[in-house]
N, C-alpha and C. Protein backbone atom coordinates (compact mmCIF):
# COMPACT_ATOMS: atom_id res chain seq x y z
N MET A 1 -5.06 18.12 -12.57
CA MET A 1 -5.33 18.73 -11.28
C MET A 1 -6.64 18.20 -10.71
N LYS A 2 -7.66 18.06 -11.56
CA LYS A 2 -8.93 17.52 -11.08
C LYS A 2 -8.76 16.11 -10.51
N PHE A 3 -7.96 15.29 -11.20
CA PHE A 3 -7.74 13.91 -10.75
C PHE A 3 -7.11 13.90 -9.37
N ARG A 4 -6.08 14.73 -9.19
CA ARG A 4 -5.39 14.77 -7.90
C ARG A 4 -6.34 15.22 -6.81
N THR A 5 -7.13 16.25 -7.08
CA THR A 5 -8.08 16.74 -6.09
C THR A 5 -9.10 15.67 -5.75
N LEU A 6 -9.60 14.99 -6.77
CA LEU A 6 -10.56 13.91 -6.55
C LEU A 6 -9.94 12.79 -5.72
N CYS A 7 -8.69 12.43 -6.03
CA CYS A 7 -8.01 11.37 -5.27
C CYS A 7 -7.86 11.75 -3.82
N LEU A 8 -7.39 12.96 -3.57
CA LEU A 8 -7.17 13.39 -2.20
C LEU A 8 -8.48 13.50 -1.43
N ALA A 9 -9.52 14.03 -2.08
CA ALA A 9 -10.81 14.14 -1.41
C ALA A 9 -11.37 12.76 -1.08
N ALA A 10 -11.22 11.84 -2.01
CA ALA A 10 -11.71 10.48 -1.78
C ALA A 10 -10.93 9.80 -0.66
N LEU A 11 -9.62 10.02 -0.61
CA LEU A 11 -8.81 9.41 0.45
C LEU A 11 -9.19 9.95 1.82
N VAL A 12 -9.42 11.25 1.91
CA VAL A 12 -9.78 11.84 3.20
C VAL A 12 -11.15 11.33 3.65
N ALA A 13 -12.08 11.23 2.70
CA ALA A 13 -13.43 10.81 3.03
C ALA A 13 -13.57 9.30 3.20
N LEU A 14 -12.55 8.59 2.79
CA LEU A 14 -12.61 7.14 2.77
C LEU A 14 -12.74 6.54 4.16
N GLY A 15 -13.64 5.60 4.31
CA GLY A 15 -13.81 4.90 5.57
C GLY A 15 -13.59 3.42 5.36
N THR A 16 -13.63 2.65 6.41
CA THR A 16 -13.43 1.22 6.32
C THR A 16 -14.44 0.57 5.40
N THR A 17 -15.67 1.05 5.42
CA THR A 17 -16.70 0.47 4.57
C THR A 17 -16.34 0.64 3.11
N ALA A 18 -15.85 1.82 2.75
CA ALA A 18 -15.47 2.05 1.36
C ALA A 18 -14.32 1.15 0.95
N LEU A 19 -13.41 0.89 1.87
CA LEU A 19 -12.27 0.04 1.54
C LEU A 19 -12.68 -1.39 1.27
N SER A 20 -13.79 -1.82 1.83
CA SER A 20 -14.19 -3.20 1.62
C SER A 20 -14.81 -3.41 0.24
N SER A 21 -15.14 -2.32 -0.45
CA SER A 21 -15.67 -2.47 -1.80
C SER A 21 -14.54 -2.82 -2.75
N THR A 22 -14.88 -3.11 -3.98
CA THR A 22 -13.85 -3.58 -4.91
C THR A 22 -12.90 -2.49 -5.37
N ALA A 23 -13.31 -1.23 -5.35
CA ALA A 23 -12.40 -0.17 -5.77
C ALA A 23 -12.96 1.18 -5.36
N PHE A 24 -12.07 2.16 -5.29
CA PHE A 24 -12.52 3.53 -5.10
C PHE A 24 -13.25 3.95 -6.37
N ALA A 25 -14.05 4.96 -6.27
CA ALA A 25 -14.79 5.44 -7.44
C ALA A 25 -13.84 5.83 -8.57
N TYR A 26 -12.67 6.31 -8.23
CA TYR A 26 -11.72 6.74 -9.26
C TYR A 26 -10.69 5.68 -9.57
N GLY A 27 -10.82 4.50 -9.02
CA GLY A 27 -9.80 3.47 -9.13
C GLY A 27 -9.41 3.09 -10.54
N ASN A 28 -10.34 3.18 -11.48
CA ASN A 28 -10.03 2.75 -12.83
C ASN A 28 -9.75 3.92 -13.77
N GLN A 29 -9.72 5.13 -13.25
CA GLN A 29 -9.43 6.27 -14.08
C GLN A 29 -7.93 6.37 -14.31
N LYS A 30 -7.57 6.94 -15.41
CA LYS A 30 -6.16 7.15 -15.72
C LYS A 30 -5.76 8.55 -15.28
N ALA A 31 -4.60 8.66 -14.68
CA ALA A 31 -4.09 9.97 -14.27
C ALA A 31 -3.67 10.73 -15.51
N ASP A 32 -3.83 12.04 -15.48
CA ASP A 32 -3.38 12.91 -16.55
C ASP A 32 -1.86 12.93 -16.50
N SER A 33 -1.22 12.48 -17.55
CA SER A 33 0.24 12.35 -17.55
C SER A 33 0.95 13.69 -17.52
N THR A 34 0.22 14.81 -17.72
CA THR A 34 0.86 16.11 -17.70
C THR A 34 0.93 16.71 -16.30
N THR A 35 0.17 16.14 -15.36
CA THR A 35 0.22 16.65 -13.99
C THR A 35 0.86 15.61 -13.09
N LYS A 36 1.59 16.10 -12.11
CA LYS A 36 2.26 15.20 -11.17
C LYS A 36 1.71 15.46 -9.78
N PRO A 37 1.24 14.43 -9.10
CA PRO A 37 0.71 14.64 -7.75
C PRO A 37 1.78 15.25 -6.85
N ALA A 38 1.36 16.14 -5.96
CA ALA A 38 2.31 16.83 -5.09
C ALA A 38 2.64 16.02 -3.85
N GLN A 39 1.80 15.08 -3.46
CA GLN A 39 2.02 14.34 -2.23
C GLN A 39 2.76 13.04 -2.48
N THR A 40 3.68 12.73 -1.56
CA THR A 40 4.38 11.45 -1.63
C THR A 40 3.45 10.35 -1.13
N ILE A 41 3.90 9.13 -1.28
CA ILE A 41 3.15 7.98 -0.78
C ILE A 41 2.91 8.13 0.73
N VAL A 42 3.91 8.57 1.45
CA VAL A 42 3.77 8.74 2.90
C VAL A 42 2.75 9.84 3.21
N ASP A 43 2.81 10.95 2.49
CA ASP A 43 1.86 12.04 2.71
C ASP A 43 0.42 11.55 2.54
N ILE A 44 0.19 10.74 1.52
CA ILE A 44 -1.14 10.20 1.27
C ILE A 44 -1.57 9.31 2.44
N ALA A 45 -0.68 8.45 2.89
CA ALA A 45 -1.00 7.56 4.01
C ALA A 45 -1.27 8.36 5.29
N VAL A 46 -0.45 9.36 5.56
CA VAL A 46 -0.62 10.19 6.76
C VAL A 46 -1.97 10.91 6.71
N GLY A 47 -2.39 11.32 5.54
CA GLY A 47 -3.64 12.05 5.38
C GLY A 47 -4.90 11.20 5.43
N ASN A 48 -4.75 9.90 5.60
CA ASN A 48 -5.91 9.00 5.62
C ASN A 48 -5.89 8.21 6.92
N SER A 49 -6.91 8.41 7.73
CA SER A 49 -6.95 7.75 9.05
C SER A 49 -7.01 6.23 8.95
N ASP A 50 -7.41 5.69 7.81
CA ASP A 50 -7.44 4.24 7.65
C ASP A 50 -6.05 3.62 7.52
N PHE A 51 -5.03 4.46 7.41
CA PHE A 51 -3.66 3.98 7.32
C PHE A 51 -2.85 4.36 8.56
N SER A 52 -3.49 4.71 9.66
CA SER A 52 -2.75 5.15 10.85
C SER A 52 -1.84 4.07 11.41
N THR A 53 -2.25 2.82 11.36
CA THR A 53 -1.39 1.74 11.85
C THR A 53 -0.18 1.57 10.92
N LEU A 54 -0.40 1.64 9.63
CA LEU A 54 0.70 1.56 8.67
C LEU A 54 1.68 2.71 8.90
N VAL A 55 1.18 3.91 9.11
CA VAL A 55 2.04 5.06 9.34
C VAL A 55 2.85 4.87 10.63
N ALA A 56 2.20 4.39 11.69
CA ALA A 56 2.92 4.13 12.94
C ALA A 56 4.02 3.10 12.73
N ALA A 57 3.73 2.08 11.94
CA ALA A 57 4.72 1.04 11.66
C ALA A 57 5.88 1.60 10.83
N LEU A 58 5.57 2.43 9.84
CA LEU A 58 6.62 3.04 9.02
C LEU A 58 7.54 3.90 9.89
N LYS A 59 6.95 4.63 10.83
CA LYS A 59 7.76 5.45 11.74
C LYS A 59 8.64 4.57 12.63
N ALA A 60 8.05 3.52 13.20
CA ALA A 60 8.80 2.63 14.09
C ALA A 60 9.95 1.94 13.36
N ALA A 61 9.75 1.65 12.09
CA ALA A 61 10.78 0.97 11.30
C ALA A 61 11.80 1.94 10.70
N GLY A 62 11.54 3.23 10.83
CA GLY A 62 12.45 4.22 10.25
C GLY A 62 12.38 4.29 8.73
N LEU A 63 11.21 3.98 8.17
CA LEU A 63 11.07 3.94 6.71
C LEU A 63 10.37 5.16 6.12
N VAL A 64 9.96 6.11 6.95
CA VAL A 64 9.25 7.28 6.45
C VAL A 64 10.09 8.04 5.43
N GLU A 65 11.32 8.36 5.79
CA GLU A 65 12.18 9.12 4.88
C GLU A 65 12.43 8.37 3.58
N THR A 66 12.61 7.08 3.67
CA THR A 66 12.83 6.27 2.46
C THR A 66 11.64 6.37 1.52
N LEU A 67 10.43 6.21 2.06
CA LEU A 67 9.24 6.25 1.22
C LEU A 67 8.80 7.66 0.86
N GLN A 68 9.51 8.65 1.38
CA GLN A 68 9.30 10.03 0.93
C GLN A 68 10.32 10.38 -0.14
N GLY A 69 11.25 9.47 -0.41
CA GLY A 69 12.30 9.69 -1.39
C GLY A 69 11.76 9.67 -2.81
N ALA A 70 12.68 9.79 -3.75
CA ALA A 70 12.33 9.91 -5.16
C ALA A 70 11.58 8.71 -5.72
N GLY A 71 11.91 7.51 -5.24
CA GLY A 71 11.25 6.33 -5.78
C GLY A 71 11.62 6.11 -7.23
N PRO A 72 10.70 5.63 -8.02
CA PRO A 72 9.31 5.36 -7.68
C PRO A 72 9.13 4.03 -6.93
N PHE A 73 8.04 3.98 -6.17
CA PHE A 73 7.69 2.80 -5.39
C PHE A 73 6.25 2.39 -5.71
N THR A 74 5.98 1.12 -5.60
CA THR A 74 4.61 0.61 -5.62
C THR A 74 4.40 0.01 -4.24
N VAL A 75 3.41 0.51 -3.53
CA VAL A 75 3.14 0.05 -2.16
C VAL A 75 1.79 -0.65 -2.13
N PHE A 76 1.81 -1.89 -1.66
CA PHE A 76 0.58 -2.62 -1.37
C PHE A 76 0.28 -2.29 0.09
N ALA A 77 -0.61 -1.32 0.30
CA ALA A 77 -0.81 -0.73 1.62
C ALA A 77 -1.96 -1.39 2.38
N PRO A 78 -1.64 -2.05 3.49
CA PRO A 78 -2.70 -2.64 4.32
C PRO A 78 -3.39 -1.56 5.16
N THR A 79 -4.68 -1.69 5.30
CA THR A 79 -5.47 -0.76 6.10
C THR A 79 -5.37 -1.13 7.58
N ASN A 80 -5.94 -0.28 8.43
CA ASN A 80 -6.01 -0.59 9.86
C ASN A 80 -6.75 -1.91 10.07
N ALA A 81 -7.83 -2.12 9.30
CA ALA A 81 -8.59 -3.37 9.42
C ALA A 81 -7.73 -4.58 9.06
N ALA A 82 -6.82 -4.40 8.11
CA ALA A 82 -5.90 -5.49 7.74
C ALA A 82 -4.98 -5.82 8.91
N PHE A 83 -4.44 -4.79 9.55
CA PHE A 83 -3.57 -5.02 10.70
C PHE A 83 -4.35 -5.66 11.85
N ALA A 84 -5.64 -5.29 11.98
CA ALA A 84 -6.48 -5.84 13.05
C ALA A 84 -6.72 -7.33 12.89
N LYS A 85 -6.54 -7.86 11.69
CA LYS A 85 -6.70 -9.31 11.45
C LYS A 85 -5.55 -10.13 12.03
N LEU A 86 -4.43 -9.48 12.31
CA LEU A 86 -3.28 -10.20 12.89
C LEU A 86 -3.64 -10.64 14.31
N PRO A 87 -3.01 -11.69 14.80
CA PRO A 87 -3.29 -12.14 16.17
C PRO A 87 -3.10 -11.00 17.18
N ALA A 88 -3.91 -11.03 18.23
CA ALA A 88 -3.87 -9.99 19.26
C ALA A 88 -2.44 -9.79 19.76
N GLY A 89 -2.04 -8.53 19.88
CA GLY A 89 -0.72 -8.18 20.40
C GLY A 89 0.38 -8.15 19.36
N THR A 90 0.12 -8.64 18.15
CA THR A 90 1.17 -8.70 17.13
C THR A 90 1.68 -7.32 16.75
N VAL A 91 0.76 -6.41 16.46
CA VAL A 91 1.18 -5.07 16.03
C VAL A 91 1.96 -4.38 17.14
N GLU A 92 1.44 -4.43 18.35
CA GLU A 92 2.12 -3.80 19.48
C GLU A 92 3.52 -4.37 19.66
N ASN A 93 3.66 -5.67 19.51
CA ASN A 93 4.96 -6.33 19.64
C ASN A 93 5.91 -5.89 18.53
N LEU A 94 5.41 -5.80 17.29
CA LEU A 94 6.25 -5.40 16.17
C LEU A 94 6.73 -3.96 16.29
N LEU A 95 5.95 -3.12 16.95
CA LEU A 95 6.30 -1.71 17.08
C LEU A 95 7.39 -1.45 18.12
N LYS A 96 7.76 -2.47 18.89
CA LYS A 96 8.81 -2.32 19.89
C LYS A 96 10.17 -2.17 19.19
N PRO A 97 11.02 -1.32 19.73
CA PRO A 97 12.35 -1.09 19.11
C PRO A 97 13.15 -2.38 18.88
N GLU A 98 13.05 -3.33 19.79
CA GLU A 98 13.83 -4.57 19.63
C GLU A 98 13.35 -5.43 18.46
N ASN A 99 12.18 -5.11 17.89
CA ASN A 99 11.65 -5.88 16.76
C ASN A 99 11.69 -5.11 15.45
N LYS A 100 12.52 -4.06 15.41
CA LYS A 100 12.60 -3.20 14.24
C LYS A 100 12.98 -3.96 12.97
N ALA A 101 13.91 -4.89 13.05
CA ALA A 101 14.34 -5.64 11.87
C ALA A 101 13.19 -6.47 11.29
N GLN A 102 12.44 -7.13 12.17
CA GLN A 102 11.31 -7.94 11.71
C GLN A 102 10.22 -7.05 11.09
N LEU A 103 9.94 -5.91 11.73
CA LEU A 103 8.94 -4.97 11.21
C LEU A 103 9.38 -4.44 9.85
N THR A 104 10.65 -4.09 9.73
CA THR A 104 11.18 -3.58 8.47
C THR A 104 11.03 -4.62 7.36
N ALA A 105 11.31 -5.88 7.67
CA ALA A 105 11.17 -6.95 6.68
C ALA A 105 9.72 -7.07 6.22
N ILE A 106 8.80 -6.99 7.16
CA ILE A 106 7.37 -7.10 6.80
C ILE A 106 6.95 -5.92 5.93
N LEU A 107 7.32 -4.73 6.34
CA LEU A 107 6.90 -3.54 5.58
C LEU A 107 7.53 -3.48 4.20
N THR A 108 8.81 -3.81 4.09
CA THR A 108 9.45 -3.76 2.77
C THR A 108 8.97 -4.89 1.86
N TYR A 109 8.33 -5.90 2.45
CA TYR A 109 7.70 -6.96 1.65
C TYR A 109 6.44 -6.44 0.96
N HIS A 110 5.93 -5.30 1.40
CA HIS A 110 4.76 -4.67 0.79
C HIS A 110 5.13 -3.66 -0.29
N VAL A 111 6.43 -3.51 -0.57
CA VAL A 111 6.90 -2.50 -1.51
C VAL A 111 7.62 -3.15 -2.68
N VAL A 112 7.23 -2.75 -3.87
CA VAL A 112 7.87 -3.21 -5.10
C VAL A 112 8.57 -2.01 -5.72
N PRO A 113 9.84 -2.15 -6.12
CA PRO A 113 10.50 -1.02 -6.76
C PRO A 113 9.84 -0.69 -8.10
N GLY A 114 9.78 0.59 -8.41
CA GLY A 114 9.17 1.04 -9.65
C GLY A 114 7.70 1.36 -9.46
N LYS A 115 7.12 1.97 -10.46
CA LYS A 115 5.70 2.34 -10.43
C LYS A 115 4.94 1.33 -11.27
N VAL A 116 4.20 0.45 -10.59
CA VAL A 116 3.46 -0.61 -11.27
C VAL A 116 1.97 -0.31 -11.11
N LEU A 117 1.36 0.18 -12.17
CA LEU A 117 -0.06 0.50 -12.15
C LEU A 117 -0.91 -0.76 -12.24
N ALA A 118 -2.18 -0.64 -11.92
CA ALA A 118 -3.08 -1.79 -11.91
C ALA A 118 -3.09 -2.50 -13.26
N ALA A 119 -3.05 -1.75 -14.34
CA ALA A 119 -3.04 -2.36 -15.68
C ALA A 119 -1.83 -3.25 -15.88
N ASP A 120 -0.73 -2.94 -15.19
CA ASP A 120 0.49 -3.74 -15.28
C ASP A 120 0.46 -4.90 -14.28
N VAL A 121 -0.07 -4.65 -13.08
CA VAL A 121 -0.13 -5.68 -12.05
C VAL A 121 -0.89 -6.90 -12.55
N VAL A 122 -2.00 -6.68 -13.25
CA VAL A 122 -2.83 -7.81 -13.69
C VAL A 122 -2.14 -8.68 -14.74
N LYS A 123 -1.06 -8.19 -15.30
CA LYS A 123 -0.30 -8.97 -16.29
C LYS A 123 0.80 -9.80 -15.64
N LEU A 124 0.99 -9.64 -14.33
CA LEU A 124 2.07 -10.32 -13.62
C LEU A 124 1.56 -11.54 -12.87
N SER A 125 2.45 -12.49 -12.63
CA SER A 125 2.11 -13.62 -11.77
C SER A 125 2.87 -13.51 -10.44
N SER A 126 3.88 -12.65 -10.42
CA SER A 126 4.63 -12.39 -9.19
C SER A 126 5.39 -11.09 -9.37
N ALA A 127 5.89 -10.57 -8.24
CA ALA A 127 6.70 -9.36 -8.28
C ALA A 127 7.73 -9.44 -7.15
N LYS A 128 8.94 -9.02 -7.45
CA LYS A 128 10.01 -9.01 -6.45
C LYS A 128 9.87 -7.76 -5.58
N THR A 129 9.94 -7.94 -4.29
CA THR A 129 9.76 -6.84 -3.35
C THR A 129 11.09 -6.25 -2.92
N VAL A 130 11.03 -5.08 -2.29
CA VAL A 130 12.22 -4.44 -1.75
C VAL A 130 12.86 -5.32 -0.68
N GLN A 131 12.06 -6.09 0.04
CA GLN A 131 12.55 -7.00 1.08
C GLN A 131 13.41 -8.10 0.48
N GLY A 132 13.19 -8.41 -0.80
CA GLY A 132 13.97 -9.45 -1.47
C GLY A 132 13.15 -10.66 -1.86
N GLY A 133 12.03 -10.85 -1.19
CA GLY A 133 11.15 -11.96 -1.53
C GLY A 133 10.23 -11.60 -2.69
N GLU A 134 9.45 -12.56 -3.09
CA GLU A 134 8.48 -12.32 -4.15
C GLU A 134 7.07 -12.48 -3.61
N VAL A 135 6.16 -11.64 -4.13
CA VAL A 135 4.75 -11.79 -3.83
C VAL A 135 4.08 -12.45 -5.03
N LYS A 136 3.12 -13.30 -4.75
CA LYS A 136 2.36 -13.97 -5.79
C LYS A 136 1.17 -13.09 -6.16
N ILE A 137 0.94 -12.91 -7.44
CA ILE A 137 -0.19 -12.10 -7.91
C ILE A 137 -1.15 -13.02 -8.66
N THR A 138 -2.41 -12.99 -8.23
CA THR A 138 -3.44 -13.83 -8.83
C THR A 138 -4.58 -12.94 -9.31
N VAL A 139 -4.99 -13.13 -10.54
CA VAL A 139 -6.11 -12.37 -11.10
C VAL A 139 -7.22 -13.35 -11.44
N ALA A 140 -8.42 -13.06 -10.94
CA ALA A 140 -9.60 -13.87 -11.24
C ALA A 140 -10.75 -12.90 -11.53
N GLY A 141 -11.09 -12.76 -12.79
CA GLY A 141 -12.13 -11.80 -13.17
C GLY A 141 -11.67 -10.40 -12.84
N ASN A 142 -12.48 -9.69 -12.05
CA ASN A 142 -12.13 -8.32 -11.66
C ASN A 142 -11.39 -8.25 -10.33
N SER A 143 -11.08 -9.40 -9.74
CA SER A 143 -10.40 -9.36 -8.45
C SER A 143 -8.93 -9.72 -8.60
N VAL A 144 -8.12 -9.03 -7.81
CA VAL A 144 -6.68 -9.26 -7.81
C VAL A 144 -6.26 -9.55 -6.39
N LYS A 145 -5.40 -10.54 -6.24
CA LYS A 145 -4.84 -10.88 -4.93
C LYS A 145 -3.33 -10.77 -4.99
N VAL A 146 -2.77 -10.29 -3.89
CA VAL A 146 -1.33 -10.29 -3.68
C VAL A 146 -1.13 -11.23 -2.51
N ASN A 147 -0.52 -12.38 -2.77
CA ASN A 147 -0.50 -13.48 -1.81
C ASN A 147 -1.94 -13.77 -1.42
N ASP A 148 -2.30 -13.64 -0.15
CA ASP A 148 -3.68 -13.90 0.27
C ASP A 148 -4.49 -12.63 0.48
N ALA A 149 -3.94 -11.49 0.13
CA ALA A 149 -4.62 -10.21 0.33
C ALA A 149 -5.37 -9.78 -0.91
N ASN A 150 -6.60 -9.34 -0.71
CA ASN A 150 -7.39 -8.79 -1.82
C ASN A 150 -7.00 -7.34 -2.04
N VAL A 151 -6.84 -6.97 -3.29
CA VAL A 151 -6.59 -5.57 -3.63
C VAL A 151 -7.96 -4.90 -3.69
N THR A 152 -8.16 -3.88 -2.85
CA THR A 152 -9.48 -3.24 -2.74
C THR A 152 -9.54 -1.88 -3.41
N ALA A 153 -8.41 -1.29 -3.72
CA ALA A 153 -8.35 -0.01 -4.43
C ALA A 153 -7.01 0.06 -5.13
N THR A 154 -6.99 0.71 -6.28
CA THR A 154 -5.78 0.72 -7.10
C THR A 154 -5.42 2.13 -7.56
N ASP A 155 -4.17 2.24 -7.99
CA ASP A 155 -3.67 3.43 -8.68
C ASP A 155 -3.88 4.73 -7.92
N ILE A 156 -3.61 4.74 -6.63
CA ILE A 156 -3.64 5.98 -5.87
C ILE A 156 -2.26 6.61 -6.08
N ALA A 157 -2.23 7.63 -6.91
CA ALA A 157 -0.97 8.19 -7.39
C ALA A 157 -0.35 9.15 -6.40
N GLY A 158 0.93 8.96 -6.15
CA GLY A 158 1.73 9.88 -5.37
C GLY A 158 2.83 10.43 -6.26
N SER A 159 3.52 11.43 -5.78
CA SER A 159 4.58 12.03 -6.58
C SER A 159 5.76 11.08 -6.78
N ASN A 160 5.85 10.06 -5.92
CA ASN A 160 6.98 9.14 -6.00
C ASN A 160 6.55 7.68 -6.15
N GLY A 161 5.36 7.47 -6.67
CA GLY A 161 4.91 6.10 -6.90
C GLY A 161 3.41 5.96 -6.82
N VAL A 162 2.99 4.76 -6.48
CA VAL A 162 1.56 4.44 -6.51
C VAL A 162 1.23 3.51 -5.34
N ILE A 163 0.00 3.65 -4.83
CA ILE A 163 -0.49 2.80 -3.75
C ILE A 163 -1.63 1.94 -4.28
N HIS A 164 -1.59 0.66 -3.91
CA HIS A 164 -2.72 -0.24 -4.12
C HIS A 164 -3.11 -0.71 -2.71
N VAL A 165 -4.36 -0.56 -2.35
CA VAL A 165 -4.82 -0.88 -1.00
C VAL A 165 -5.13 -2.37 -0.91
N ILE A 166 -4.70 -3.00 0.19
CA ILE A 166 -4.98 -4.42 0.40
C ILE A 166 -5.67 -4.62 1.74
N ASP A 167 -6.40 -5.73 1.85
CA ASP A 167 -7.20 -5.97 3.05
C ASP A 167 -6.57 -6.91 4.06
N THR A 168 -5.34 -7.33 3.81
CA THR A 168 -4.63 -8.25 4.70
C THR A 168 -3.15 -7.90 4.70
N VAL A 169 -2.52 -7.96 5.85
CA VAL A 169 -1.06 -7.78 5.91
C VAL A 169 -0.42 -9.04 5.33
N ILE A 170 0.48 -8.83 4.38
CA ILE A 170 1.17 -9.98 3.79
C ILE A 170 2.51 -10.16 4.51
N LEU A 171 2.83 -11.40 4.78
CA LEU A 171 4.06 -11.68 5.53
C LEU A 171 5.07 -12.39 4.65
N PRO A 172 6.33 -11.98 4.75
CA PRO A 172 7.36 -12.64 3.95
C PRO A 172 7.51 -14.09 4.39
N PRO A 173 7.89 -14.94 3.46
CA PRO A 173 8.10 -16.35 3.85
C PRO A 173 9.22 -16.44 4.88
N SER A 174 9.03 -17.29 5.86
CA SER A 174 10.09 -17.48 6.86
C SER A 174 11.14 -18.42 6.32
N ASN A 175 12.38 -18.16 6.67
CA ASN A 175 13.48 -18.99 6.17
C ASN A 175 13.62 -20.25 6.97
């Protein structure tokens, strides 16, 4: 219970500056296996203003209910600052109903089926996403990258999976 309270308090208090650091204060702690977080991955994102663009995108793509489902899911969650790195107008364009398929492909490229904790991620060189493509995982010392995105916080536990925060939106390879 203490871990969950600490996680939620840290998420609410979290600002862009904190996200640029290498990890949340609790990022390397292990969750108590006897307690299960009450909030889904979506609930956690909705409760953190740094994920407002991600939440808007999930709503536009119709993925909220899916990510509130049983899972488990591992989400590499880009912050608002990550979305802001995209070329001007990109986010607004993706949020249009006529671009729902493209937005869905991008968002599902950030999701890996199953619950993959940081201790497991660092042992991988790639992971297959819900979108169908694979993300490349690179570990160098204490830093982890998913494609070109730096992982800035890890193991944010939800009732249906885990969130790892990234600083760049990762895009699926174009065919």
